[in-house]
Amino acid sequence: MENRPPLLPLQQSPEFARCLIAMGQLVTHHVCNSSGLSWQVQSKGIGGFGLVDLVTRGPVGNMEAWLQHWQQYHNTTPLLLNAPPCRSDLLRNHGFWPLITPVTLGITDLGGAQNMRSAMGQKWRNRLRRAEACKIKVKCYDLQDRHWLIATEDTQARQKGYRGYPAGFSTMFGQINPGQAKVFEAQYQGEIIAGIVVLLHRRMATWQIGHNLPEGRQLNAMNLLLWRAMCWLSERGYIQLDLGVLNGKDAEALTRFKLGIGANAQRQGGTWLYMNTLAPLARRLPSRLSGFRNFCGGEPETFKVSEPFS
């Protein structure tokens, strides 16, 4: 069997590192050859902590092995770990303190068109058929500076008060990694009705931005765009499409839309803090208090496919 390298989520990819470095951020890549582990670290100032190291969706490899070795590569700077799926007792026993309950991501496996279509929810597939019956033109091209999707995203972020990557992240990603920030745009009767930005990183891709105008919603344009993007990616050898966080409480309709595509709900490992002064307390944390149910308020979400996002 071919020994292929592991899939790299966006935050652990070299494309991501190049982009952040170009934007003036400090990113360090570590490799532990003896265990085959790799992980990327962002170093940034966070109020109240000063300089903090941040590892998101890493390490890539065996978590137990990483916990045995990681301190050989780090100094005494506090470490925030947005952990991949793992057992909470492993992190607690190595001195990590739980901060934020795990998120759940929607990850779609890419393959043959028939298999991808079969994995969709029935209502999602019906909406796709209706969109395909319309005379919607879909264009795919490289993301350009001052693109309408970027301007719309920035405006909505300010209005709704949410924070993602720094302003200009997607544009810089495409500039530093030519051809790896793609726009899929839907047009109807000569007018733009919807668009998405997909970032490419090795054998994975990430749905970064998506906006649907009123006529796009009426014509199910977003269903068509995601489907065309999935087919485009699959034809070029991509293995998975990351659809981002599934939030059934604050973004229920969007979560149903992502699940309707056929996404797998992958619960992550939560956010943890390692500080030398806090580690002894974390190790003695009672098992009944070490889970996120106690610290962060709630059971993990369960997700069902229902009426899709429009």
C-alpha atoms as a PDB file:
ATOM      1  CA  MET A   1       0.000   0.000   0.000  1.00  0.00           C
ATOM      2  CA  GLU A   2       1.262   3.471  -0.878  1.00  0.00           C
ATOM      3  CA  ASN A   3       2.568   5.362   2.160  1.00  0.00           C
ATOM      4  CA  ARG A   4       1.005   8.769   1.612  1.00  0.00           C
ATOM      5  CA  PRO A   5       1.661  11.733   3.909  1.00  0.00           C
ATOM      6  CA  PRO A   6      -1.136  12.663   6.323  1.00  0.00           C
ATOM      7  CA  LEU A   7      -3.753  15.212   5.386  1.00  0.00           C
ATOM      8  CA  LEU A   8      -2.930  18.680   6.682  1.00  0.00           C
ATOM      9  CA  PRO A   9      -5.728  20.930   7.938  1.00  0.00           C
ATOM     10  CA  LEU A  10      -5.404  24.545   6.876  1.00  0.00           C
ATOM     11  CA  GLN A  11      -3.791  25.741  10.124  1.00  0.00           C
ATOM     12  CA  GLN A  12      -1.074  23.068   9.883  1.00  0.00           C
ATOM     13  CA  SER A  13      -0.269  23.556   6.211  1.00  0.00           C
ATOM     14  CA  PRO A  14       2.816  25.278   4.782  1.00  0.00           C
ATOM     15  CA  GLU A  15       0.499  27.440   2.665  1.00  0.00           C
ATOM     16  CA  PHE A  16      -1.074  28.828   5.851  1.00  0.00           C
ATOM     17  CA  ALA A  17       2.336  29.472   7.402  1.00  0.00           C
ATOM     18  CA  ARG A  18       3.607  31.328   4.326  1.00  0.00           C
ATOM     19  CA  CYS A  19       0.524  33.530   4.352  1.00  0.00           C
ATOM     20  CA  LEU A  20       0.786  34.494   8.029  1.00  0.00           C
ATOM     21  CA  ILE A  21       4.528  35.141   7.763  1.00  0.00           C
ATOM     22  CA  ALA A  22       3.864  37.459   4.810  1.00  0.00           C
ATOM     23  CA  MET A  23       1.369  39.296   7.029  1.00  0.00           C
ATOM     24  CA  GLY A  24       4.032  39.850   9.680  1.00  0.00           C
ATOM     25  CA  GLN A  25       3.174  37.051  12.092  1.00  0.00           C
ATOM     26  CA  LEU A  26       5.659  34.653  13.659  1.00  0.00           C
ATOM     27  CA  VAL A  27       5.090  31.021  12.669  1.00  0.00           C
ATOM     28  CA  THR A  28       7.389  28.131  13.565  1.00  0.00           C
ATOM     29  CA  HIS A  29       7.242  24.623  12.112  1.00  0.00           C
ATOM     30  CA  HIS A  30       8.436  21.684  14.206  1.00  0.00           C
ATOM     31  CA  VAL A  31       9.136  18.107  13.137  1.00  0.00           C
ATOM     32  CA  CYS A  32       9.922  15.188  15.437  1.00  0.00           C
ATOM     33  CA  ASN A  33      11.557  12.687  13.109  1.00  0.00           C
ATOM     34  CA  SER A  34      11.599   9.844  15.622  1.00  0.00           C
ATOM     35  CA  SER A  35       7.800   9.830  15.913  1.00  0.00           C
ATOM     36  CA  GLY A  36       6.808  11.281  12.531  1.00  0.00           C
ATOM     37  CA  LEU A  37       5.057  14.220  14.202  1.00  0.00           C
ATOM     38  CA  SER A  38       4.756  17.742  12.854  1.00  0.00           C
ATOM     39  CA  TRP A  39       3.095  20.883  14.177  1.00  0.00           C
ATOM     40  CA  GLN A  40       3.008  24.597  13.478  1.00  0.00           C
ATOM     41  CA  VAL A  41       3.067  27.264  16.152  1.00  0.00           C
ATOM     42  CA  GLN A  42       1.813  30.838  15.886  1.00  0.00           C
ATOM     43  CA  SER A  43       3.338  33.210  18.427  1.00  0.00           C
ATOM     44  CA  LYS A  44       1.250  36.259  19.240  1.00  0.00           C
ATOM     45  CA  GLY A  45       0.520  38.705  22.019  1.00  0.00           C
ATOM     46  CA  ILE A  46      -2.708  38.092  23.939  1.00  0.00           C
ATOM     47  CA  GLY A  47      -3.915  40.540  26.572  1.00  0.00           C
ATOM     48  CA  GLY A  48      -3.310  39.297  30.095  1.00  0.00           C
ATOM     49  CA  PHE A  49      -0.840  36.625  29.010  1.00  0.00           C
ATOM     50  CA  GLY A  50       1.704  38.554  26.956  1.00  0.00           C
ATOM     51  CA  LEU A  51       3.353  36.405  24.289  1.00  0.00           C
ATOM     52  CA  VAL A  52       1.547  33.094  23.780  1.00  0.00           C
ATOM     53  CA  ASP A  53       2.261  30.164  21.476  1.00  0.00           C
ATOM     54  CA  LEU A  54      -0.782  28.810  19.638  1.00  0.00           C
ATOM     55  CA  VAL A  55      -1.153  25.371  18.057  1.00  0.00           C
ATOM     56  CA  THR A  56      -4.407  24.826  16.156  1.00  0.00           C
ATOM     57  CA  ARG A  57      -5.528  21.409  14.876  1.00  0.00           C
ATOM     58  CA  GLY A  58      -2.128  19.992  15.613  1.00  0.00           C
ATOM     59  CA  PRO A  59      -0.015  18.079  16.109  1.00  0.00           C
ATOM     60  CA  VAL A  60      -0.404  16.058  12.936  1.00  0.00           C
ATOM     61  CA  GLY A  61       0.267  12.560  14.171  1.00  0.00           C
ATOM     62  CA  ASN A  62      -0.051  10.639  17.410  1.00  0.00           C
ATOM     63  CA  MET A  63      -1.102  12.875  20.313  1.00  0.00           C
ATOM     64  CA  GLU A  64       0.336  10.591  22.994  1.00  0.00           C
ATOM     65  CA  ALA A  65       3.745  10.688  21.321  1.00  0.00           C
ATOM     66  CA  TRP A  66       3.555  14.472  20.967  1.00  0.00           C
ATOM     67  CA  LEU A  67       2.813  14.925  24.666  1.00  0.00           C
ATOM     68  CA  GLN A  68       6.017  13.057  25.443  1.00  0.00           C
ATOM     69  CA  HIS A  69       8.178  15.272  23.214  1.00  0.00           C
ATOM     70  CA  TRP A  70       6.662  18.719  22.692  1.00  0.00           C
ATOM     71  CA  GLN A  71       8.468  20.512  25.534  1.00  0.00           C
ATOM     72  CA  GLN A  72      11.818  19.720  23.926  1.00  0.00           C
ATOM     73  CA  TYR A  73      10.843  22.148  21.148  1.00  0.00           C
ATOM     74  CA  HIS A  74       9.255  24.935  23.212  1.00  0.00           C
ATOM     75  CA  ASN A  75      10.471  27.417  25.784  1.00  0.00           C
ATOM     76  CA  THR A  76       8.503  28.583  28.828  1.00  0.00           C
ATOM     77  CA  THR A  77       6.044  30.664  26.787  1.00  0.00           C
ATOM     78  CA  PRO A  78       2.423  29.716  27.632  1.00  0.00           C
ATOM     79  CA  LEU A  79       0.918  27.381  25.045  1.00  0.00           C
ATOM     80  CA  LEU A  80      -2.688  27.485  23.843  1.00  0.00           C
ATOM     81  CA  LEU A  81      -3.642  24.216  22.186  1.00  0.00           C
ATOM     82  CA  ASN A  82      -6.723  23.932  19.986  1.00  0.00           C
ATOM     83  CA  ALA A  83      -6.449  20.184  20.047  1.00  0.00           C
ATOM     84  CA  PRO A  84      -7.444  17.685  17.390  1.00  0.00           C
ATOM     85  CA  PRO A  85      -9.683  14.829  18.576  1.00  0.00           C
ATOM     86  CA  CYS A  86      -8.079  13.270  21.657  1.00  0.00           C
ATOM     87  CA  ARG A  87      -8.784  12.048  25.180  1.00  0.00           C
ATOM     88  CA  SER A  88      -9.045  14.811  27.762  1.00  0.00           C
ATOM     89  CA  ASP A  89      -7.300  12.754  30.452  1.00  0.00           C
ATOM     90  CA  LEU A  90      -4.128  12.599  28.337  1.00  0.00           C
ATOM     91  CA  LEU A  91      -3.891  16.371  28.205  1.00  0.00           C
ATOM     92  CA  ARG A  92      -4.773  16.828  31.865  1.00  0.00           C
ATOM     93  CA  ASN A  93      -2.165  14.279  32.968  1.00  0.00           C
ATOM     94  CA  HIS A  94       0.483  16.242  31.069  1.00  0.00           C
ATOM     95  CA  GLY A  95      -0.404  19.523  32.752  1.00  0.00           C
ATOM     96  CA  PHE A  96      -2.868  21.085  30.303  1.00  0.00           C
ATOM     97  CA  TRP A  97      -5.799  23.031  31.747  1.00  0.00           C
ATOM     98  CA  PRO A  98      -9.175  22.952  29.913  1.00  0.00           C
ATOM     99  CA  LEU A  99     -10.436  26.338  28.717  1.00  0.00           C
ATOM    100  CA  ILE A 100     -13.039  26.072  25.951  1.00  0.00           C
ATOM    101  CA  THR A 101     -15.389  23.261  25.003  1.00  0.00           C
ATOM    102  CA  PRO A 102     -14.560  21.394  21.784  1.00  0.00           C
ATOM    103  CA  VAL A 103     -16.026  22.582  18.504  1.00  0.00           C
ATOM    104  CA  THR A 104     -17.337  20.209  15.868  1.00  0.00           C
ATOM    105  CA  LEU A 105     -16.186  20.542  12.264  1.00  0.00           C
ATOM    106  CA  GLY A 106     -17.936  19.470   9.087  1.00  0.00           C
ATOM    107  CA  ILE A 107     -15.554  17.498   6.860  1.00  0.00           C
ATOM    108  CA  THR A 108     -16.675  16.189   3.473  1.00  0.00           C
ATOM    109  CA  ASP A 109     -14.895  13.265   1.854  1.00  0.00           C
ATOM    110  CA  LEU A 110     -14.300  13.792  -1.852  1.00  0.00           C
ATOM    111  CA  GLY A 111     -14.420  10.997  -4.394  1.00  0.00           C
ATOM    112  CA  GLY A 112     -16.394   9.978  -7.426  1.00  0.00           C
ATOM    113  CA  ALA A 113     -19.356  12.162  -8.355  1.00  0.00           C
ATOM    114  CA  GLN A 114     -21.833   9.324  -7.826  1.00  0.00           C
ATOM    115  CA  ASN A 115     -20.547   8.589  -4.317  1.00  0.00           C
ATOM    116  CA  MET A 116     -20.555  12.254  -3.318  1.00  0.00           C
ATOM    117  CA  ARG A 117     -24.074  12.713  -4.626  1.00  0.00           C
ATOM    118  CA  SER A 118     -25.290   9.600  -2.809  1.00  0.00           C
ATOM    119  CA  ALA A 119     -23.914  10.951   0.476  1.00  0.00           C
ATOM    120  CA  MET A 120     -26.116  14.054   0.281  1.00  0.00           C
ATOM    121  CA  GLY A 121     -29.354  14.454   2.183  1.00  0.00           C
ATOM    122  CA  GLN A 122     -32.431  14.005  -0.016  1.00  0.00           C
ATOM    123  CA  LYS A 123     -33.636  17.610   0.358  1.00  0.00           C
ATOM    124  CA  TRP A 124     -30.146  18.938  -0.372  1.00  0.00           C
ATOM    125  CA  ARG A 125     -29.956  16.770  -3.487  1.00  0.00           C
ATOM    126  CA  ASN A 126     -33.394  17.939  -4.639  1.00  0.00           C
ATOM    127  CA  ARG A 127     -32.343  21.570  -4.329  1.00  0.00           C
ATOM    128  CA  LEU A 128     -29.197  20.818  -6.290  1.00  0.00           C
ATOM    129  CA  ARG A 129     -31.294  19.292  -9.071  1.00  0.00           C
ATOM    130  CA  ARG A 130     -33.470  22.400  -9.210  1.00  0.00           C
ATOM    131  CA  ALA A 131     -30.379  24.616  -9.399  1.00  0.00           C
ATOM    132  CA  GLU A 132     -28.922  22.470 -12.174  1.00  0.00           C
ATOM    133  CA  ALA A 133     -32.154  22.889 -14.137  1.00  0.00           C
ATOM    134  CA  CYS A 134     -31.768  26.671 -14.092  1.00  0.00           C
ATOM    135  CA  LYS A 135     -29.511  28.444 -16.520  1.00  0.00           C
ATOM    136  CA  ILE A 136     -26.941  29.348 -13.878  1.00  0.00           C
ATOM    137  CA  LYS A 137     -23.408  29.893 -15.127  1.00  0.00           C
ATOM    138  CA  VAL A 138     -20.607  28.872 -12.734  1.00  0.00           C
ATOM    139  CA  LYS A 139     -17.155  30.386 -13.162  1.00  0.00           C
ATOM    140  CA  CYS A 140     -13.960  29.286 -11.387  1.00  0.00           C
ATOM    141  CA  TYR A 141     -10.993  31.646 -11.201  1.00  0.00           C
ATOM    142  CA  ASP A 142      -8.210  32.813  -8.884  1.00  0.00           C
ATOM    143  CA  LEU A 143      -9.135  35.218  -6.098  1.00  0.00           C
ATOM    144  CA  GLN A 144      -8.122  38.772  -6.929  1.00  0.00           C
ATOM    145  CA  ASP A 145      -7.435  41.783  -4.735  1.00  0.00           C
ATOM    146  CA  ARG A 146     -10.494  43.921  -3.889  1.00  0.00           C
ATOM    147  CA  HIS A 147     -12.865  41.106  -4.826  1.00  0.00           C
ATOM    148  CA  TRP A 148     -16.538  41.643  -3.969  1.00  0.00           C
ATOM    149  CA  LEU A 149     -16.587  38.541  -1.741  1.00  0.00           C
ATOM    150  CA  ILE A 150     -13.793  39.950   0.427  1.00  0.00           C
ATOM    151  CA  ALA A 151     -15.491  43.338   0.715  1.00  0.00           C
ATOM    152  CA  THR A 152     -18.810  41.691   1.622  1.00  0.00           C
ATOM    153  CA  GLU A 153     -17.157  39.458   4.206  1.00  0.00           C
ATOM    154  CA  ASP A 154     -15.376  42.405   5.855  1.00  0.00           C
ATOM    155  CA  THR A 155     -18.610  44.399   6.009  1.00  0.00           C
ATOM    156  CA  GLN A 156     -20.554  41.541   7.591  1.00  0.00           C
ATOM    157  CA  ALA A 157     -17.776  40.873  10.094  1.00  0.00           C
ATOM    158  CA  ARG A 158     -17.942  44.484  11.271  1.00  0.00           C
ATOM    159  CA  GLN A 159     -21.731  44.545  11.394  1.00  0.00           C
ATOM    160  CA  LYS A 160     -22.107  41.238  13.235  1.00  0.00           C
ATOM    161  CA  GLY A 161     -19.038  41.645  15.426  1.00  0.00           C
ATOM    162  CA  TYR A 162     -17.378  38.321  14.645  1.00  0.00           C
ATOM    163  CA  ARG A 163     -13.652  37.851  14.241  1.00  0.00           C
ATOM    164  CA  GLY A 164     -11.928  35.447  11.937  1.00  0.00           C
ATOM    165  CA  TYR A 165      -8.530  35.666  10.331  1.00  0.00           C
ATOM    166  CA  PRO A 166      -6.935  39.107   9.888  1.00  0.00           C
ATOM    167  CA  ALA A 167      -8.382  41.375   7.219  1.00  0.00           C
ATOM    168  CA  GLY A 168      -6.924  40.458   3.860  1.00  0.00           C
ATOM    169  CA  PHE A 169      -6.033  36.894   4.885  1.00  0.00           C
ATOM    170  CA  SER A 170      -7.707  35.162   1.936  1.00  0.00           C
ATOM    171  CA  THR A 171      -6.308  37.647  -0.582  1.00  0.00           C
ATOM    172  CA  MET A 172      -2.800  37.284   0.832  1.00  0.00           C
ATOM    173  CA  PHE A 173      -3.171  33.495   0.835  1.00  0.00           C
ATOM    174  CA  GLY A 174      -3.766  33.602  -2.903  1.00  0.00           C
ATOM    175  CA  GLN A 175      -0.918  36.035  -3.547  1.00  0.00           C
ATOM    176  CA  ILE A 176       1.638  34.018  -1.581  1.00  0.00           C
ATOM    177  CA  ASN A 177       0.311  30.680  -2.859  1.00  0.00           C
ATOM    178  CA  PRO A 178      -0.525  31.394  -6.512  1.00  0.00           C
ATOM    179  CA  GLY A 179      -3.526  29.494  -7.819  1.00  0.00           C
ATOM    180  CA  GLN A 180      -4.518  28.153  -4.399  1.00  0.00           C
ATOM    181  CA  ALA A 181      -7.301  30.602  -3.486  1.00  0.00           C
ATOM    182  CA  LYS A 182     -10.175  29.838  -5.834  1.00  0.00           C
ATOM    183  CA  VAL A 183     -13.433  31.678  -6.417  1.00  0.00           C
ATOM    184  CA  PHE A 184     -16.497  29.765  -7.587  1.00  0.00           C
ATOM    185  CA  GLU A 185     -19.061  32.310  -8.735  1.00  0.00           C
ATOM    186  CA  ALA A 186     -22.661  31.844  -9.870  1.00  0.00           C
ATOM    187  CA  GLN A 187     -24.206  34.152 -12.463  1.00  0.00           C
ATOM    188  CA  TYR A 188     -27.789  34.249 -13.694  1.00  0.00           C
ATOM    189  CA  GLN A 189     -28.857  36.307 -16.687  1.00  0.00           C
ATOM    190  CA  GLY A 190     -25.548  38.159 -16.539  1.00  0.00           C
ATOM    191  CA  GLU A 191     -25.799  39.058 -12.839  1.00  0.00           C
ATOM    192  CA  ILE A 192     -23.726  37.647  -9.977  1.00  0.00           C
ATOM    193  CA  ILE A 193     -26.004  35.824  -7.524  1.00  0.00           C
ATOM    194  CA  ALA A 194     -23.585  33.930  -5.222  1.00  0.00           C
ATOM    195  CA  GLY A 195     -19.919  33.158  -4.653  1.00  0.00           C
ATOM    196  CA  ILE A 196     -17.536  31.154  -2.495  1.00  0.00           C
ATOM    197  CA  VAL A 197     -13.798  31.198  -1.789  1.00  0.00           C
ATOM    198  CA  VAL A 198     -12.015  27.861  -1.396  1.00  0.00           C
ATOM    199  CA  LEU A 199      -8.421  27.660  -0.138  1.00  0.00           C
ATOM    200  CA  LEU A 200      -6.259  24.774  -1.340  1.00  0.00           C
ATOM    201  CA  HIS A 201      -3.625  23.208   0.903  1.00  0.00           C
ATOM    202  CA  ARG A 202      -1.940  20.024  -0.218  1.00  0.00           C
ATOM    203  CA  ARG A 203      -4.618  17.312  -0.533  1.00  0.00           C
ATOM    204  CA  MET A 204      -7.234  19.205   1.483  1.00  0.00           C
ATOM    205  CA  ALA A 205      -9.314  22.293   0.778  1.00  0.00           C
ATOM    206  CA  THR A 206     -11.201  24.701   3.041  1.00  0.00           C
ATOM    207  CA  TRP A 207     -14.432  26.552   2.325  1.00  0.00           C
ATOM    208  CA  GLN A 208     -13.341  29.955   3.606  1.00  0.00           C
ATOM    209  CA  ILE A 209     -16.020  32.429   2.475  1.00  0.00           C
ATOM    210  CA  GLY A 210     -19.515  32.146   1.020  1.00  0.00           C
ATOM    211  CA  HIS A 211     -22.184  34.722   0.201  1.00  0.00           C
ATOM    212  CA  ASN A 212     -25.620  34.246  -1.341  1.00  0.00           C
ATOM    213  CA  LEU A 213     -27.543  37.194  -2.788  1.00  0.00           C
ATOM    214  CA  PRO A 214     -31.378  37.131  -2.677  1.00  0.00           C
ATOM    215  CA  GLU A 215     -31.781  35.694  -6.179  1.00  0.00           C
ATOM    216  CA  GLY A 216     -29.078  33.154  -5.401  1.00  0.00           C
ATOM    217  CA  ARG A 217     -31.100  31.925  -2.437  1.00  0.00           C
ATOM    218  CA  GLN A 218     -34.215  31.614  -4.583  1.00  0.00           C
ATOM    219  CA  LEU A 219     -32.340  29.565  -7.195  1.00  0.00           C
ATOM    220  CA  ASN A 220     -30.359  27.395  -4.713  1.00  0.00           C
ATOM    221  CA  ALA A 221     -27.131  28.770  -6.151  1.00  0.00           C
ATOM    222  CA  MET A 222     -25.065  27.876  -3.085  1.00  0.00           C
ATOM    223  CA  ASN A 223     -25.938  24.199  -3.488  1.00  0.00           C
ATOM    224  CA  LEU A 224     -24.730  24.338  -7.070  1.00  0.00           C
ATOM    225  CA  LEU A 225     -21.523  26.191  -6.172  1.00  0.00           C
ATOM    226  CA  LEU A 226     -20.526  23.735  -3.456  1.00  0.00           C
ATOM    227  CA  TRP A 227     -21.286  20.812  -5.723  1.00  0.00           C
ATOM    228  CA  ARG A 228     -19.225  22.221  -8.598  1.00  0.00           C
ATOM    229  CA  ALA A 229     -16.381  22.985  -6.198  1.00  0.00           C
ATOM    230  CA  MET A 230     -16.458  19.428  -4.827  1.00  0.00           C
ATOM    231  CA  CYS A 231     -16.343  17.963  -8.333  1.00  0.00           C
ATOM    232  CA  TRP A 232     -13.518  20.320  -9.351  1.00  0.00           C
ATOM    233  CA  LEU A 233     -11.505  19.357  -6.275  1.00  0.00           C
ATOM    234  CA  SER A 234     -12.132  15.636  -6.650  1.00  0.00           C
ATOM    235  CA  GLU A 235     -11.045  15.664 -10.294  1.00  0.00           C
ATOM    236  CA  ARG A 236      -7.725  17.178  -9.191  1.00  0.00           C
ATOM    237  CA  GLY A 237      -6.984  14.649  -6.482  1.00  0.00           C
ATOM    238  CA  TYR A 238      -8.146  16.464  -3.365  1.00  0.00           C
ATOM    239  CA  ILE A 239      -9.289  14.136  -0.581  1.00  0.00           C
ATOM    240  CA  GLN A 240     -11.357  16.271   1.791  1.00  0.00           C
ATOM    241  CA  LEU A 241     -13.190  19.595   1.911  1.00  0.00           C
ATOM    242  CA  ASP A 242     -13.319  21.320   5.308  1.00  0.00           C
ATOM    243  CA  LEU A 243     -16.628  23.165   5.690  1.00  0.00           C
ATOM    244  CA  GLY A 244     -15.750  24.750   9.029  1.00  0.00           C
ATOM    245  CA  VAL A 245     -17.514  24.774  12.379  1.00  0.00           C
ATOM    246  CA  LEU A 246     -20.911  23.170  12.890  1.00  0.00           C
ATOM    247  CA  ASN A 247     -22.802  25.420  15.286  1.00  0.00           C
ATOM    248  CA  GLY A 248     -26.295  24.081  15.828  1.00  0.00           C
ATOM    249  CA  LYS A 249     -27.169  26.806  18.337  1.00  0.00           C
ATOM    250  CA  ASP A 250     -26.120  30.062  16.691  1.00  0.00           C
ATOM    251  CA  ALA A 251     -26.063  29.008  13.020  1.00  0.00           C
ATOM    252  CA  GLU A 252     -28.574  26.192  12.803  1.00  0.00           C
ATOM    253  CA  ALA A 253     -29.552  26.682   9.165  1.00  0.00           C
ATOM    254  CA  LEU A 254     -25.945  26.831   7.968  1.00  0.00           C
ATOM    255  CA  THR A 255     -25.120  23.726   9.995  1.00  0.00           C
ATOM    256  CA  ARG A 256     -27.987  21.813   8.376  1.00  0.00           C
ATOM    257  CA  PHE A 257     -26.756  22.982   4.986  1.00  0.00           C
ATOM    258  CA  LYS A 258     -23.261  21.626   5.653  1.00  0.00           C
ATOM    259  CA  LEU A 259     -24.561  18.306   6.941  1.00  0.00           C
ATOM    260  CA  GLY A 260     -26.876  18.026   3.953  1.00  0.00           C
ATOM    261  CA  ILE A 261     -23.841  18.040   1.666  1.00  0.00           C
ATOM    262  CA  GLY A 262     -22.802  14.800   3.337  1.00  0.00           C
ATOM    263  CA  ALA A 263     -20.276  16.233   5.777  1.00  0.00           C
ATOM    264  CA  ASN A 264     -19.035  14.126   8.665  1.00  0.00           C
ATOM    265  CA  ALA A 265     -19.295  15.797  12.073  1.00  0.00           C
ATOM    266  CA  GLN A 266     -15.819  15.621  13.645  1.00  0.00           C
ATOM    267  CA  ARG A 267     -15.635  16.765  17.253  1.00  0.00           C
ATOM    268  CA  GLN A 268     -12.269  18.307  18.088  1.00  0.00           C
ATOM    269  CA  GLY A 269     -10.342  18.148  21.356  1.00  0.00           C
ATOM    270  CA  GLY A 270     -11.108  21.556  22.866  1.00  0.00           C
ATOM    271  CA  THR A 271      -8.877  24.482  23.822  1.00  0.00           C
ATOM    272  CA  TRP A 272      -6.267  23.895  26.529  1.00  0.00           C
ATOM    273  CA  LEU A 273      -3.647  26.043  28.250  1.00  0.00           C
ATOM    274  CA  TYR A 274      -0.212  24.937  29.386  1.00  0.00           C
ATOM    275  CA  MET A 275       1.673  27.173  31.811  1.00  0.00           C
ATOM    276  CA  ASN A 276       4.499  26.006  34.041  1.00  0.00           C
ATOM    277  CA  THR A 277       2.837  27.493  37.120  1.00  0.00           C
ATOM    278  CA  LEU A 278      -0.544  25.937  36.332  1.00  0.00           C
ATOM    279  CA  ALA A 279       0.595  22.484  35.218  1.00  0.00           C
ATOM    280  CA  PRO A 280       0.870  20.912  38.721  1.00  0.00           C
ATOM    281  CA  LEU A 281      -2.728  21.941  39.479  1.00  0.00           C
ATOM    282  CA  ALA A 282      -3.959  20.594  36.152  1.00  0.00           C
ATOM    283  CA  ARG A 283      -2.349  17.217  36.826  1.00  0.00           C
ATOM    284  CA  ARG A 284      -4.201  16.979  40.142  1.00  0.00           C
ATOM    285  CA  LEU A 285      -7.527  18.005  38.683  1.00  0.00           C
ATOM    286  CA  PRO A 286     -10.093  15.342  39.690  1.00  0.00           C
ATOM    287  CA  SER A 287     -11.217  13.147  36.830  1.00  0.00           C
ATOM    288  CA  ARG A 288     -14.841  14.113  37.371  1.00  0.00           C
ATOM    289  CA  LEU A 289     -13.901  17.769  36.781  1.00  0.00           C
ATOM    290  CA  SER A 290     -11.519  17.275  33.882  1.00  0.00           C
ATOM    291  CA  GLY A 291     -14.183  16.956  31.196  1.00  0.00           C
ATOM    292  CA  PHE A 292     -15.630  19.900  29.336  1.00  0.00           C
ATOM    293  CA  ARG A 293     -19.127  19.162  30.570  1.00  0.00           C
ATOM    294  CA  ASN A 294     -18.126  20.590  33.948  1.00  0.00           C
ATOM    295  CA  PHE A 295     -15.860  23.423  32.856  1.00  0.00           C
ATOM    296  CA  CYS A 296     -17.564  24.710  29.775  1.00  0.00           C
ATOM    297  CA  GLY A 297     -21.208  24.036  30.240  1.00  0.00           C
ATOM    298  CA  GLY A 298     -22.797  21.368  28.172  1.00  0.00           C
ATOM    299  CA  GLU A 299     -22.882  18.042  26.469  1.00  0.00           C
ATOM    300  CA  PRO A 300     -21.479  17.734  22.951  1.00  0.00           C
ATOM    301  CA  GLU A 301     -23.955  18.720  20.276  1.00  0.00           C
ATOM    302  CA  THR A 302     -25.698  16.086  18.215  1.00  0.00           C
ATOM    303  CA  PHE A 303     -26.535  16.912  14.629  1.00  0.00           C
ATOM    304  CA  LYS A 304     -29.287  15.798  12.286  1.00  0.00           C
ATOM    305  CA  VAL A 305     -29.873  16.665   8.657  1.00  0.00           C
ATOM    306  CA  SER A 306     -33.102  18.592   8.177  1.00  0.00           C
ATOM    307  CA  GLU A 307     -34.249  21.430   5.926  1.00  0.00           C
ATOM    308  CA  PRO A 308     -31.117  22.835   4.247  1.00  0.00           C
ATOM    309  CA  PHE A 309     -29.736  26.338   4.480  1.00  0.00           C
ATOM    310  CA  SER A 310     -31.028  28.656   1.802  1.00  0.00           C
END
